[in-house]
Amino acid sequence: MKLLVTGGAGFIGSNFIHYWLAKYPDDSIINLDVLTYAGNLENLADIENNSNYKFVKGDICDMELINDLVKDIDLIVHFAAETHVDRSIMASQDFIKTNIEGTRVLLDAAKNSNNIRFHHVSTDEVFGSLAANEPKFSEQTPYNPHSPYSASKAAADHLVRAYFHTHKLPITISNCTNNYGPYQFPEKIIPLFITNLLENKKIPIYGQGANIRDWIYVDDHNIGVDAIIKKGRIGETYCLGGSNELTNLELTKKILKLMKKGEEIIEYVKDRPGHDFRYAMDSSKAKSELSWQPKIDFEQGLAKTIEWYKNNRQWWQKIKSGKYKNYYQKQYGK
């Protein structure tokens, strides 16, 4: 197969490309990424000379470019998105443009090129927030986004479904819980805390750290995406969760314990506006229809992640200093 992967220089997308080419070495991938602050080609340095891999720097909102790239493509896997909630609260325009208009451009290109198979990667945040004892999110949960980020992803999900119903475009959607693992940009809680601790800096927790998240190792997520692409029913949505619900404070204490640090390094900061209390995903449908389930135990995955950041200091130090942005220039000279 020939795949177009959008946002493949980001955290989940780059892990997906590594996973896919290792499992399906005869397939070829075009990685389209505009290289915003969160896109880092060093994530893919080890495969950049693979003859079945090609990187294209470009914007998913560029209709001419997208229409050209989808020629002879069998499958579009759409990861590209603005994703950071705090940034969406400060300024939402990039989220609306990329997450909604960019998705529309890709859908039109797929529709106009003999209905290319289209998988859309989304988030649990489109469902809003759960109380402590509420049932987990499922494919039947009504949408109730609370941030500009989650609202833009909800709109994208609706567009994808509309193209299935209106144009018979062969789509699937996955809504996933919080990912963690290698190559995650260090603005997110787990890599931020790990790298801060490696630098002997304080680690900031919103409020009292009571907010609850369900964590999934990035490879388990991508195995789920693969299962949906290969075995999922066209037009359907599948929820992927890790069944690892932790408060942010519990998560922090696990990281501190594994890194042999004391709780005095915690710094409690003002809570985020509109901070969703709890996310949790019911993956029963994916488990029953696709025979998928997470394989990586959270303690094991967290230890692996900490070890990766310890062993890849140059990678994250370049990000924190901004030097990682020079990699594209050095490799591609453009």
C-alpha atoms as a PDB file:
ATOM      1  CA  MET A   1       0.000   0.000   0.000  1.00  0.00           C
ATOM      2  CA  LYS A   2       0.911   3.631  -0.469  1.00  0.00           C
ATOM      3  CA  LEU A   3       0.078   5.801   2.534  1.00  0.00           C
ATOM      4  CA  LEU A   4      -0.128   9.540   3.043  1.00  0.00           C
ATOM      5  CA  VAL A   5       0.481  10.230   6.743  1.00  0.00           C
ATOM      6  CA  THR A   6      -0.272  13.788   7.840  1.00  0.00           C
ATOM      7  CA  GLY A   7       1.535  15.191  10.858  1.00  0.00           C
ATOM      8  CA  GLY A   8       4.099  12.406  10.719  1.00  0.00           C
ATOM      9  CA  ALA A   9       6.866  14.518  12.278  1.00  0.00           C
ATOM     10  CA  GLY A  10       4.887  14.867  15.500  1.00  0.00           C
ATOM     11  CA  PHE A  11       4.828  12.579  18.509  1.00  0.00           C
ATOM     12  CA  ILE A  12       2.162  10.001  17.631  1.00  0.00           C
ATOM     13  CA  GLY A  13       2.613  10.319  13.864  1.00  0.00           C
ATOM     14  CA  SER A  14       6.363   9.632  13.946  1.00  0.00           C
ATOM     15  CA  ASN A  15       5.830   6.621  16.198  1.00  0.00           C
ATOM     16  CA  PHE A  16       3.160   5.404  13.763  1.00  0.00           C
ATOM     17  CA  ILE A  17       5.550   5.680  10.800  1.00  0.00           C
ATOM     18  CA  HIS A  18       8.239   3.727  12.675  1.00  0.00           C
ATOM     19  CA  TYR A  19       5.652   1.096  13.614  1.00  0.00           C
ATOM     20  CA  TRP A  20       4.131   0.794  10.137  1.00  0.00           C
ATOM     21  CA  LEU A  21       7.377   0.526   8.177  1.00  0.00           C
ATOM     22  CA  ALA A  22       8.693  -2.070  10.634  1.00  0.00           C
ATOM     23  CA  LYS A  23       5.534  -4.173  10.313  1.00  0.00           C
ATOM     24  CA  TYR A  24       4.847  -3.569   6.613  1.00  0.00           C
ATOM     25  CA  PRO A  25       8.286  -3.006   5.024  1.00  0.00           C
ATOM     26  CA  ASP A  26       6.907  -3.305   1.483  1.00  0.00           C
ATOM     27  CA  ASP A  27       4.495  -0.401   1.980  1.00  0.00           C
ATOM     28  CA  SER A  28       5.543   3.159   1.175  1.00  0.00           C
ATOM     29  CA  ILE A  29       4.787   6.302   3.176  1.00  0.00           C
ATOM     30  CA  ILE A  30       4.669   9.978   2.278  1.00  0.00           C
ATOM     31  CA  ASN A  31       4.965  12.011   5.466  1.00  0.00           C
ATOM     32  CA  LEU A  32       3.356  15.446   5.096  1.00  0.00           C
ATOM     33  CA  ASP A  33       4.135  17.882   7.891  1.00  0.00           C
ATOM     34  CA  VAL A  34       4.278  21.679   7.964  1.00  0.00           C
ATOM     35  CA  LEU A  35       6.835  21.516  10.818  1.00  0.00           C
ATOM     36  CA  THR A  36       5.184  23.774  13.353  1.00  0.00           C
ATOM     37  CA  TYR A  37       6.919  24.001  16.719  1.00  0.00           C
ATOM     38  CA  ALA A  38       5.801  20.423  17.547  1.00  0.00           C
ATOM     39  CA  GLY A  39       7.079  18.839  14.317  1.00  0.00           C
ATOM     40  CA  ASN A  40      10.581  17.434  14.604  1.00  0.00           C
ATOM     41  CA  LEU A  41      12.274  15.508  11.794  1.00  0.00           C
ATOM     42  CA  GLU A  42      14.866  14.184  14.216  1.00  0.00           C
ATOM     43  CA  ASN A  43      12.064  11.849  15.325  1.00  0.00           C
ATOM     44  CA  LEU A  44      12.553  10.066  11.980  1.00  0.00           C
ATOM     45  CA  ALA A  45      16.294  10.488  11.408  1.00  0.00           C
ATOM     46  CA  ASP A  46      16.879   6.723  11.436  1.00  0.00           C
ATOM     47  CA  ILE A  47      14.546   6.092   8.465  1.00  0.00           C
ATOM     48  CA  GLU A  48      15.042   9.222   6.344  1.00  0.00           C
ATOM     49  CA  ASN A  49      17.124   7.210   3.822  1.00  0.00           C
ATOM     50  CA  ASN A  50      14.569   4.397   3.595  1.00  0.00           C
ATOM     51  CA  SER A  51      13.524   4.148  -0.071  1.00  0.00           C
ATOM     52  CA  ASN A  52       9.915   3.546   1.020  1.00  0.00           C
ATOM     53  CA  TYR A  53       9.768   6.779   3.011  1.00  0.00           C
ATOM     54  CA  LYS A  54       9.486  10.332   1.721  1.00  0.00           C
ATOM     55  CA  PHE A  55       9.084  13.583   3.638  1.00  0.00           C
ATOM     56  CA  VAL A  56       7.179  16.539   2.194  1.00  0.00           C
ATOM     57  CA  LYS A  57       7.115  19.870   4.017  1.00  0.00           C
ATOM     58  CA  GLY A  58       3.683  21.364   3.507  1.00  0.00           C
ATOM     59  CA  ASP A  59       0.379  22.501   4.970  1.00  0.00           C
ATOM     60  CA  ILE A  60      -2.728  20.321   4.944  1.00  0.00           C
ATOM     61  CA  CYS A  61      -4.689  23.489   4.060  1.00  0.00           C
ATOM     62  CA  ASP A  62      -2.788  23.774   0.748  1.00  0.00           C
ATOM     63  CA  MET A  63      -5.352  22.346  -1.699  1.00  0.00           C
ATOM     64  CA  GLU A  64      -3.011  22.289  -4.695  1.00  0.00           C
ATOM     65  CA  LEU A  65      -0.329  20.399  -2.786  1.00  0.00           C
ATOM     66  CA  ILE A  66      -2.793  17.921  -1.263  1.00  0.00           C
ATOM     67  CA  ASN A  67      -4.444  17.189  -4.612  1.00  0.00           C
ATOM     68  CA  ASP A  68      -1.029  16.466  -6.073  1.00  0.00           C
ATOM     69  CA  LEU A  69       0.098  14.234  -3.197  1.00  0.00           C
ATOM     70  CA  VAL A  70      -2.970  11.984  -3.164  1.00  0.00           C
ATOM     71  CA  LYS A  71      -2.371  10.725  -6.688  1.00  0.00           C
ATOM     72  CA  ASP A  72      -1.777   6.958  -6.457  1.00  0.00           C
ATOM     73  CA  ILE A  73      -2.358   6.967  -2.664  1.00  0.00           C
ATOM     74  CA  ASP A  74      -4.316   4.025  -1.210  1.00  0.00           C
ATOM     75  CA  LEU A  75      -4.764   5.286   2.341  1.00  0.00           C
ATOM     76  CA  ILE A  76      -4.689   8.611   4.207  1.00  0.00           C
ATOM     77  CA  VAL A  77      -3.915   8.449   7.934  1.00  0.00           C
ATOM     78  CA  HIS A  78      -4.675  11.879   9.352  1.00  0.00           C
ATOM     79  CA  PHE A  79      -2.751  12.783  12.508  1.00  0.00           C
ATOM     80  CA  ALA A  80      -1.972  16.433  11.702  1.00  0.00           C
ATOM     81  CA  ALA A  81      -3.512  18.788  14.251  1.00  0.00           C
ATOM     82  CA  GLU A  82      -2.845  21.597  16.637  1.00  0.00           C
ATOM     83  CA  THR A  83      -3.219  19.788  19.957  1.00  0.00           C
ATOM     84  CA  HIS A  84      -2.118  21.751  22.999  1.00  0.00           C
ATOM     85  CA  VAL A  85      -5.073  22.897  25.109  1.00  0.00           C
ATOM     86  CA  ASP A  86      -3.222  25.779  26.791  1.00  0.00           C
ATOM     87  CA  ARG A  87      -2.190  27.201  23.419  1.00  0.00           C
ATOM     88  CA  SER A  88      -5.782  26.947  22.150  1.00  0.00           C
ATOM     89  CA  ILE A  89      -6.969  28.938  25.158  1.00  0.00           C
ATOM     90  CA  MET A  90      -4.431  31.690  24.447  1.00  0.00           C
ATOM     91  CA  ALA A  91      -5.105  31.828  20.676  1.00  0.00           C
ATOM     92  CA  SER A  92      -7.548  29.582  18.840  1.00  0.00           C
ATOM     93  CA  GLN A  93      -7.169  30.669  15.201  1.00  0.00           C
ATOM     94  CA  ASP A  94      -4.502  28.101  14.234  1.00  0.00           C
ATOM     95  CA  PHE A  95      -6.618  25.343  15.770  1.00  0.00           C
ATOM     96  CA  ILE A  96      -9.669  26.306  13.710  1.00  0.00           C
ATOM     97  CA  LYS A  97      -7.658  26.599  10.500  1.00  0.00           C
ATOM     98  CA  THR A  98      -5.618  23.403  10.798  1.00  0.00           C
ATOM     99  CA  ASN A  99      -8.024  21.083  12.561  1.00  0.00           C
ATOM    100  CA  ILE A 100     -11.188  22.004  10.655  1.00  0.00           C
ATOM    101  CA  GLU A 101     -10.205  23.542   7.316  1.00  0.00           C
ATOM    102  CA  GLY A 102      -7.201  21.246   6.926  1.00  0.00           C
ATOM    103  CA  THR A 103      -9.380  18.194   7.498  1.00  0.00           C
ATOM    104  CA  ARG A 104     -11.893  19.509   4.944  1.00  0.00           C
ATOM    105  CA  VAL A 105      -9.136  19.921   2.323  1.00  0.00           C
ATOM    106  CA  LEU A 106      -7.954  16.345   2.889  1.00  0.00           C
ATOM    107  CA  LEU A 107     -11.490  14.957   2.725  1.00  0.00           C
ATOM    108  CA  ASP A 108     -12.185  16.739  -0.557  1.00  0.00           C
ATOM    109  CA  ALA A 109      -8.925  15.460  -2.039  1.00  0.00           C
ATOM    110  CA  ALA A 110      -9.785  11.905  -0.957  1.00  0.00           C
ATOM    111  CA  LYS A 111     -13.310  12.229  -2.367  1.00  0.00           C
ATOM    112  CA  ASN A 112     -12.088  13.627  -5.673  1.00  0.00           C
ATOM    113  CA  SER A 113      -9.463  10.898  -6.094  1.00  0.00           C
ATOM    114  CA  ASN A 114     -11.747   7.863  -6.327  1.00  0.00           C
ATOM    115  CA  ASN A 115     -12.710   7.857  -2.660  1.00  0.00           C
ATOM    116  CA  ILE A 116      -9.384   7.101  -0.972  1.00  0.00           C
ATOM    117  CA  ARG A 117      -9.639   5.166   2.299  1.00  0.00           C
ATOM    118  CA  PHE A 118      -9.413   7.739   5.103  1.00  0.00           C
ATOM    119  CA  HIS A 119      -8.605   7.196   8.780  1.00  0.00           C
ATOM    120  CA  HIS A 120      -9.016  10.166  11.089  1.00  0.00           C
ATOM    121  CA  VAL A 121      -7.187  10.247  14.439  1.00  0.00           C
ATOM    122  CA  SER A 122      -9.100  12.132  17.120  1.00  0.00           C
ATOM    123  CA  THR A 123      -9.213  12.555  20.891  1.00  0.00           C
ATOM    124  CA  ASP A 124     -11.299  11.722  23.942  1.00  0.00           C
ATOM    125  CA  GLU A 125     -11.525  15.454  24.704  1.00  0.00           C
ATOM    126  CA  VAL A 126     -14.373  15.892  22.175  1.00  0.00           C
ATOM    127  CA  PHE A 127     -16.653  14.217  24.742  1.00  0.00           C
ATOM    128  CA  GLY A 128     -16.034  16.808  27.440  1.00  0.00           C
ATOM    129  CA  SER A 129     -15.453  15.935  31.063  1.00  0.00           C
ATOM    130  CA  LEU A 130     -16.539  13.143  33.381  1.00  0.00           C
ATOM    131  CA  ALA A 131     -17.373  13.267  37.068  1.00  0.00           C
ATOM    132  CA  ALA A 132     -15.524  10.840  39.330  1.00  0.00           C
ATOM    133  CA  ASN A 133     -18.161   8.093  39.216  1.00  0.00           C
ATOM    134  CA  GLU A 134     -19.609   8.592  35.724  1.00  0.00           C
ATOM    135  CA  PRO A 135     -19.373   5.770  33.154  1.00  0.00           C
ATOM    136  CA  LYS A 136     -16.430   6.000  30.768  1.00  0.00           C
ATOM    137  CA  PHE A 137     -16.731   7.648  27.349  1.00  0.00           C
ATOM    138  CA  SER A 138     -17.840   5.352  24.530  1.00  0.00           C
ATOM    139  CA  GLU A 139     -18.791   5.655  20.880  1.00  0.00           C
ATOM    140  CA  GLN A 140     -22.320   6.579  22.024  1.00  0.00           C
ATOM    141  CA  THR A 141     -21.253   9.468  24.269  1.00  0.00           C
ATOM    142  CA  PRO A 142     -22.653  12.839  23.084  1.00  0.00           C
ATOM    143  CA  TYR A 143     -20.059  15.401  22.051  1.00  0.00           C
ATOM    144  CA  ASN A 144     -19.474  18.161  24.596  1.00  0.00           C
ATOM    145  CA  PRO A 145     -16.085  19.844  23.957  1.00  0.00           C
ATOM    146  CA  HIS A 146     -14.870  22.382  26.532  1.00  0.00           C
ATOM    147  CA  SER A 147     -11.793  24.020  24.953  1.00  0.00           C
ATOM    148  CA  PRO A 148     -11.109  25.596  21.547  1.00  0.00           C
ATOM    149  CA  TYR A 149      -8.824  22.634  20.847  1.00  0.00           C
ATOM    150  CA  SER A 150     -11.438  19.979  21.594  1.00  0.00           C
ATOM    151  CA  ALA A 151     -14.142  21.975  19.804  1.00  0.00           C
ATOM    152  CA  SER A 152     -12.013  22.080  16.647  1.00  0.00           C
ATOM    153  CA  LYS A 153     -11.388  18.325  16.844  1.00  0.00           C
ATOM    154  CA  ALA A 154     -15.108  17.693  17.391  1.00  0.00           C
ATOM    155  CA  ALA A 155     -15.877  19.712  14.266  1.00  0.00           C
ATOM    156  CA  ALA A 156     -13.312  17.678  12.317  1.00  0.00           C
ATOM    157  CA  ASP A 157     -14.902  14.413  13.506  1.00  0.00           C
ATOM    158  CA  HIS A 158     -18.308  15.619  12.344  1.00  0.00           C
ATOM    159  CA  LEU A 159     -16.905  16.585   8.939  1.00  0.00           C
ATOM    160  CA  VAL A 160     -15.336  13.151   8.487  1.00  0.00           C
ATOM    161  CA  ARG A 161     -18.648  11.446   9.278  1.00  0.00           C
ATOM    162  CA  ALA A 162     -20.515  13.833   6.977  1.00  0.00           C
ATOM    163  CA  TYR A 163     -18.275  12.839   4.058  1.00  0.00           C
ATOM    164  CA  PHE A 164     -19.073   9.192   4.755  1.00  0.00           C
ATOM    165  CA  HIS A 165     -22.824   9.780   4.781  1.00  0.00           C
ATOM    166  CA  THR A 166     -22.929  12.348   1.962  1.00  0.00           C
ATOM    167  CA  HIS A 167     -20.186  11.126  -0.375  1.00  0.00           C
ATOM    168  CA  LYS A 168     -19.761   7.487   0.716  1.00  0.00           C
ATOM    169  CA  LEU A 169     -16.111   8.200   1.495  1.00  0.00           C
ATOM    170  CA  PRO A 170     -14.644   5.089   3.187  1.00  0.00           C
ATOM    171  CA  ILE A 171     -13.702   6.532   6.571  1.00  0.00           C
ATOM    172  CA  THR A 172     -12.990   5.358  10.089  1.00  0.00           C
ATOM    173  CA  ILE A 173     -12.317   7.435  13.207  1.00  0.00           C
ATOM    174  CA  SER A 174     -10.403   6.656  16.383  1.00  0.00           C
ATOM    175  CA  ASN A 175     -10.830   8.642  19.590  1.00  0.00           C
ATOM    176  CA  CYS A 176      -7.969   7.988  21.966  1.00  0.00           C
ATOM    177  CA  THR A 177      -7.008   8.846  25.526  1.00  0.00           C
ATOM    178  CA  ASN A 178      -3.765  10.518  26.637  1.00  0.00           C
ATOM    179  CA  ASN A 179      -0.684   9.058  24.942  1.00  0.00           C
ATOM    180  CA  TYR A 180       2.818   8.860  26.367  1.00  0.00           C
ATOM    181  CA  GLY A 181       6.135   7.427  25.169  1.00  0.00           C
ATOM    182  CA  PRO A 182       9.240   8.351  23.110  1.00  0.00           C
ATOM    183  CA  TYR A 183       9.422  11.530  21.028  1.00  0.00           C
ATOM    184  CA  GLN A 184       6.664  13.357  22.913  1.00  0.00           C
ATOM    185  CA  PHE A 185       7.146  17.123  22.821  1.00  0.00           C
ATOM    186  CA  PRO A 186       8.214  18.296  26.297  1.00  0.00           C
ATOM    187  CA  GLU A 187       5.325  20.699  26.832  1.00  0.00           C
ATOM    188  CA  LYS A 188       3.129  17.706  27.707  1.00  0.00           C
ATOM    189  CA  ILE A 189       2.928  16.607  31.331  1.00  0.00           C
ATOM    190  CA  ILE A 190       4.957  13.356  31.327  1.00  0.00           C
ATOM    191  CA  PRO A 191       7.953  14.511  29.224  1.00  0.00           C
ATOM    192  CA  LEU A 192       7.838  17.960  30.858  1.00  0.00           C
ATOM    193  CA  PHE A 193       8.096  16.435  34.320  1.00  0.00           C
ATOM    194  CA  ILE A 194      10.772  13.909  33.313  1.00  0.00           C
ATOM    195  CA  THR A 195      12.967  16.494  31.596  1.00  0.00           C
ATOM    196  CA  ASN A 196      12.493  19.056  34.364  1.00  0.00           C
ATOM    197  CA  LEU A 197      13.584  16.460  36.919  1.00  0.00           C
ATOM    198  CA  LEU A 198      16.621  15.592  34.803  1.00  0.00           C
ATOM    199  CA  GLU A 199      17.468  19.309  34.918  1.00  0.00           C
ATOM    200  CA  ASN A 200      16.722  19.549  38.673  1.00  0.00           C
ATOM    201  CA  LYS A 201      13.872  21.971  38.029  1.00  0.00           C
ATOM    202  CA  LYS A 202      10.473  22.215  39.750  1.00  0.00           C
ATOM    203  CA  ILE A 203       7.526  20.355  38.240  1.00  0.00           C
ATOM    204  CA  PRO A 204       4.270  22.367  37.979  1.00  0.00           C
ATOM    205  CA  ILE A 205       0.915  20.796  38.851  1.00  0.00           C
ATOM    206  CA  TYR A 206      -2.356  22.550  38.075  1.00  0.00           C
ATOM    207  CA  GLY A 207      -4.517  23.175  41.155  1.00  0.00           C
ATOM    208  CA  GLN A 208      -4.127  20.283  43.617  1.00  0.00           C
ATOM    209  CA  GLY A 209      -3.431  17.651  40.949  1.00  0.00           C
ATOM    210  CA  ALA A 210      -6.880  16.059  41.306  1.00  0.00           C
ATOM    211  CA  ASN A 211      -7.711  15.902  37.596  1.00  0.00           C
ATOM    212  CA  ILE A 212      -7.881  12.355  36.231  1.00  0.00           C
ATOM    213  CA  ARG A 213      -6.525  11.060  32.909  1.00  0.00           C
ATOM    214  CA  ASP A 214      -6.479   7.634  31.254  1.00  0.00           C
ATOM    215  CA  TRP A 215      -2.999   6.842  29.867  1.00  0.00           C
ATOM    216  CA  ILE A 216      -2.025   4.667  26.889  1.00  0.00           C
ATOM    217  CA  TYR A 217       1.445   3.876  25.573  1.00  0.00           C
ATOM    218  CA  VAL A 218       1.857   5.304  22.069  1.00  0.00           C
ATOM    219  CA  ASP A 219       2.645   1.932  20.444  1.00  0.00           C
ATOM    220  CA  ASP A 220      -0.582   0.464  21.840  1.00  0.00           C
ATOM    221  CA  HIS A 221      -2.465   3.376  20.280  1.00  0.00           C
ATOM    222  CA  ASN A 222      -0.833   2.806  16.897  1.00  0.00           C
ATOM    223  CA  ILE A 223      -1.514  -0.926  17.028  1.00  0.00           C
ATOM    224  CA  GLY A 224      -5.157   0.065  17.560  1.00  0.00           C
ATOM    225  CA  VAL A 225      -5.085   2.403  14.550  1.00  0.00           C
ATOM    226  CA  ASP A 226      -3.615  -0.434  12.469  1.00  0.00           C
ATOM    227  CA  ALA A 227      -6.387  -2.778  13.631  1.00  0.00           C
ATOM    228  CA  ILE A 228      -9.042  -0.222  12.676  1.00  0.00           C
ATOM    229  CA  ILE A 229      -7.501   0.308   9.242  1.00  0.00           C
ATOM    230  CA  LYS A 230      -7.275  -3.422   8.568  1.00  0.00           C
ATOM    231  CA  LYS A 231     -10.419  -4.734  10.295  1.00  0.00           C
ATOM    232  CA  GLY A 232     -12.627  -1.787  11.261  1.00  0.00           C
ATOM    233  CA  ARG A 233     -16.065  -1.325   9.748  1.00  0.00           C
ATOM    234  CA  ILE A 234     -16.255   1.557   7.278  1.00  0.00           C
ATOM    235  CA  GLY A 235     -18.084   4.571   8.697  1.00  0.00           C
ATOM    236  CA  GLU A 236     -17.486   3.499  12.293  1.00  0.00           C
ATOM    237  CA  THR A 237     -15.740   5.124  15.243  1.00  0.00           C
ATOM    238  CA  TYR A 238     -13.581   3.188  17.711  1.00  0.00           C
ATOM    239  CA  CYS A 239     -12.562   4.391  21.176  1.00  0.00           C
ATOM    240  CA  LEU A 240      -9.047   3.435  22.282  1.00  0.00           C
ATOM    241  CA  GLY A 241      -8.166   3.667  25.969  1.00  0.00           C
ATOM    242  CA  GLY A 242      -5.411   2.422  28.211  1.00  0.00           C
ATOM    243  CA  SER A 243      -7.496   1.591  31.321  1.00  0.00           C
ATOM    244  CA  ASN A 244      -4.908   3.476  33.378  1.00  0.00           C
ATOM    245  CA  GLU A 245      -6.836   6.192  35.220  1.00  0.00           C
ATOM    246  CA  LEU A 246      -4.640   8.315  37.466  1.00  0.00           C
ATOM    247  CA  THR A 247      -4.936  11.723  39.059  1.00  0.00           C
ATOM    248  CA  ASN A 248      -2.207  14.095  37.959  1.00  0.00           C
ATOM    249  CA  LEU A 249      -0.809  13.948  41.492  1.00  0.00           C
ATOM    250  CA  GLU A 250      -0.734  10.129  41.439  1.00  0.00           C
ATOM    251  CA  LEU A 251       1.031  10.265  38.071  1.00  0.00           C
ATOM    252  CA  THR A 252       3.531  12.770  39.434  1.00  0.00           C
ATOM    253  CA  LYS A 253       4.324  10.605  42.458  1.00  0.00           C
ATOM    254  CA  LYS A 254       4.943   7.593  40.190  1.00  0.00           C
ATOM    255  CA  ILE A 255       7.408   9.627  38.126  1.00  0.00           C
ATOM    256  CA  LEU A 256       9.107  10.945  41.277  1.00  0.00           C
ATOM    257  CA  LYS A 257       9.429   7.429  42.694  1.00  0.00           C
ATOM    258  CA  LEU A 258      10.936   6.007  39.487  1.00  0.00           C
ATOM    259  CA  MET A 259      13.356   8.935  39.263  1.00  0.00           C
ATOM    260  CA  LYS A 260      14.204   8.832  42.995  1.00  0.00           C
ATOM    261  CA  LYS A 261      13.107  12.409  43.683  1.00  0.00           C
ATOM    262  CA  GLY A 262      11.202  13.877  46.622  1.00  0.00           C
ATOM    263  CA  GLU A 263       7.807  15.609  46.622  1.00  0.00           C
ATOM    264  CA  GLU A 264       9.390  18.912  47.666  1.00  0.00           C
ATOM    265  CA  ILE A 265      10.177  19.489  43.985  1.00  0.00           C
ATOM    266  CA  ILE A 266       6.433  19.784  43.192  1.00  0.00           C
ATOM    267  CA  GLU A 267       5.169  23.313  42.508  1.00  0.00           C
ATOM    268  CA  TYR A 268       1.402  23.813  42.631  1.00  0.00           C
ATOM    269  CA  VAL A 269       0.265  26.453  40.121  1.00  0.00           C
ATOM    270  CA  LYS A 270      -3.006  28.193  39.248  1.00  0.00           C
ATOM    271  CA  ASP A 271      -5.458  25.831  37.575  1.00  0.00           C
ATOM    272  CA  ARG A 272      -6.092  25.935  33.828  1.00  0.00           C
ATOM    273  CA  PRO A 273      -9.301  27.756  32.723  1.00  0.00           C
ATOM    274  CA  GLY A 274     -12.119  25.266  32.104  1.00  0.00           C
ATOM    275  CA  HIS A 275      -9.876  22.351  33.119  1.00  0.00           C
ATOM    276  CA  ASP A 276     -11.711  19.077  32.372  1.00  0.00           C
ATOM    277  CA  PHE A 277     -11.848  16.941  35.498  1.00  0.00           C
ATOM    278  CA  ARG A 278     -11.683  13.403  34.137  1.00  0.00           C
ATOM    279  CA  TYR A 279     -11.214  11.526  30.867  1.00  0.00           C
ATOM    280  CA  ALA A 280     -11.694   7.759  30.617  1.00  0.00           C
ATOM    281  CA  MET A 281     -12.421   5.562  27.619  1.00  0.00           C
ATOM    282  CA  ASP A 282     -14.456   2.375  27.263  1.00  0.00           C
ATOM    283  CA  SER A 283     -12.664   0.323  24.578  1.00  0.00           C
ATOM    284  CA  SER A 284     -15.123  -2.592  24.562  1.00  0.00           C
ATOM    285  CA  LYS A 285     -16.043  -2.113  20.903  1.00  0.00           C
ATOM    286  CA  ALA A 286     -12.417  -2.160  19.721  1.00  0.00           C
ATOM    287  CA  LYS A 287     -11.679  -5.165  21.904  1.00  0.00           C
ATOM    288  CA  SER A 288     -14.662  -7.178  20.691  1.00  0.00           C
ATOM    289  CA  GLU A 289     -14.624  -6.229  16.988  1.00  0.00           C
ATOM    290  CA  LEU A 290     -10.888  -5.867  16.380  1.00  0.00           C
ATOM    291  CA  SER A 291      -9.382  -8.189  19.017  1.00  0.00           C
ATOM    292  CA  TRP A 292      -7.319  -5.197  20.173  1.00  0.00           C
ATOM    293  CA  GLN A 293      -6.239  -4.351  23.672  1.00  0.00           C
ATOM    294  CA  PRO A 294      -3.331  -2.449  25.210  1.00  0.00           C
ATOM    295  CA  LYS A 295      -0.279  -4.626  25.905  1.00  0.00           C
ATOM    296  CA  ILE A 296       2.035  -2.258  27.776  1.00  0.00           C
ATOM    297  CA  ASP A 297       1.486  -2.112  31.542  1.00  0.00           C
ATOM    298  CA  PHE A 298       1.561   1.520  32.716  1.00  0.00           C
ATOM    299  CA  GLU A 299       4.390   1.059  35.228  1.00  0.00           C
ATOM    300  CA  GLN A 300       6.445  -0.718  32.560  1.00  0.00           C
ATOM    301  CA  GLY A 301       5.631   1.902  29.913  1.00  0.00           C
ATOM    302  CA  LEU A 302       6.421   4.794  32.252  1.00  0.00           C
ATOM    303  CA  ALA A 303       9.787   3.252  33.167  1.00  0.00           C
ATOM    304  CA  LYS A 304      10.575   2.735  29.460  1.00  0.00           C
ATOM    305  CA  THR A 305       9.635   6.342  28.752  1.00  0.00           C
ATOM    306  CA  ILE A 306      11.812   7.733  31.542  1.00  0.00           C
ATOM    307  CA  GLU A 307      14.721   5.625  30.304  1.00  0.00           C
ATOM    308  CA  TRP A 308      14.224   6.915  26.755  1.00  0.00           C
ATOM    309  CA  TYR A 309      14.410  10.544  27.884  1.00  0.00           C
ATOM    310  CA  LYS A 310      17.488   9.774  29.988  1.00  0.00           C
ATOM    311  CA  ASN A 311      19.172   8.211  26.961  1.00  0.00           C
ATOM    312  CA  ASN A 312      18.115  10.920  24.497  1.00  0.00           C
ATOM    313  CA  ARG A 313      19.077  14.115  26.291  1.00  0.00           C
ATOM    314  CA  GLN A 314      20.296  15.787  23.107  1.00  0.00           C
ATOM    315  CA  TRP A 315      16.900  15.270  21.479  1.00  0.00           C
ATOM    316  CA  TRP A 316      14.900  17.095  24.160  1.00  0.00           C
ATOM    317  CA  GLN A 317      17.607  19.608  25.053  1.00  0.00           C
ATOM    318  CA  LYS A 318      17.555  20.787  21.421  1.00  0.00           C
ATOM    319  CA  ILE A 319      13.787  21.231  21.685  1.00  0.00           C
ATOM    320  CA  LYS A 320      13.966  23.191  24.906  1.00  0.00           C
ATOM    321  CA  SER A 321      16.680  25.425  23.416  1.00  0.00           C
ATOM    322  CA  GLY A 322      14.962  25.732  20.011  1.00  0.00           C
ATOM    323  CA  LYS A 323      17.951  24.261  18.140  1.00  0.00           C
ATOM    324  CA  TYR A 324      15.899  21.315  16.838  1.00  0.00           C
ATOM    325  CA  LYS A 325      14.412  23.678  14.239  1.00  0.00           C
ATOM    326  CA  ASN A 326      17.759  23.695  12.434  1.00  0.00           C
ATOM    327  CA  TYR A 327      17.556  19.992  11.536  1.00  0.00           C
ATOM    328  CA  TYR A 328      15.287  20.462   8.518  1.00  0.00           C
ATOM    329  CA  GLN A 329      17.551  23.181   7.117  1.00  0.00           C
ATOM    330  CA  LYS A 330      20.644  21.024   7.498  1.00  0.00           C
ATOM    331  CA  GLN A 331      19.054  17.926   5.956  1.00  0.00           C
ATOM    332  CA  TYR A 332      16.996  19.481   3.177  1.00  0.00           C
ATOM    333  CA  GLY A 333      18.623  22.860   2.624  1.00  0.00           C
ATOM    334  CA  LYS A 334      15.328  24.670   2.046  1.00  0.00           C
END
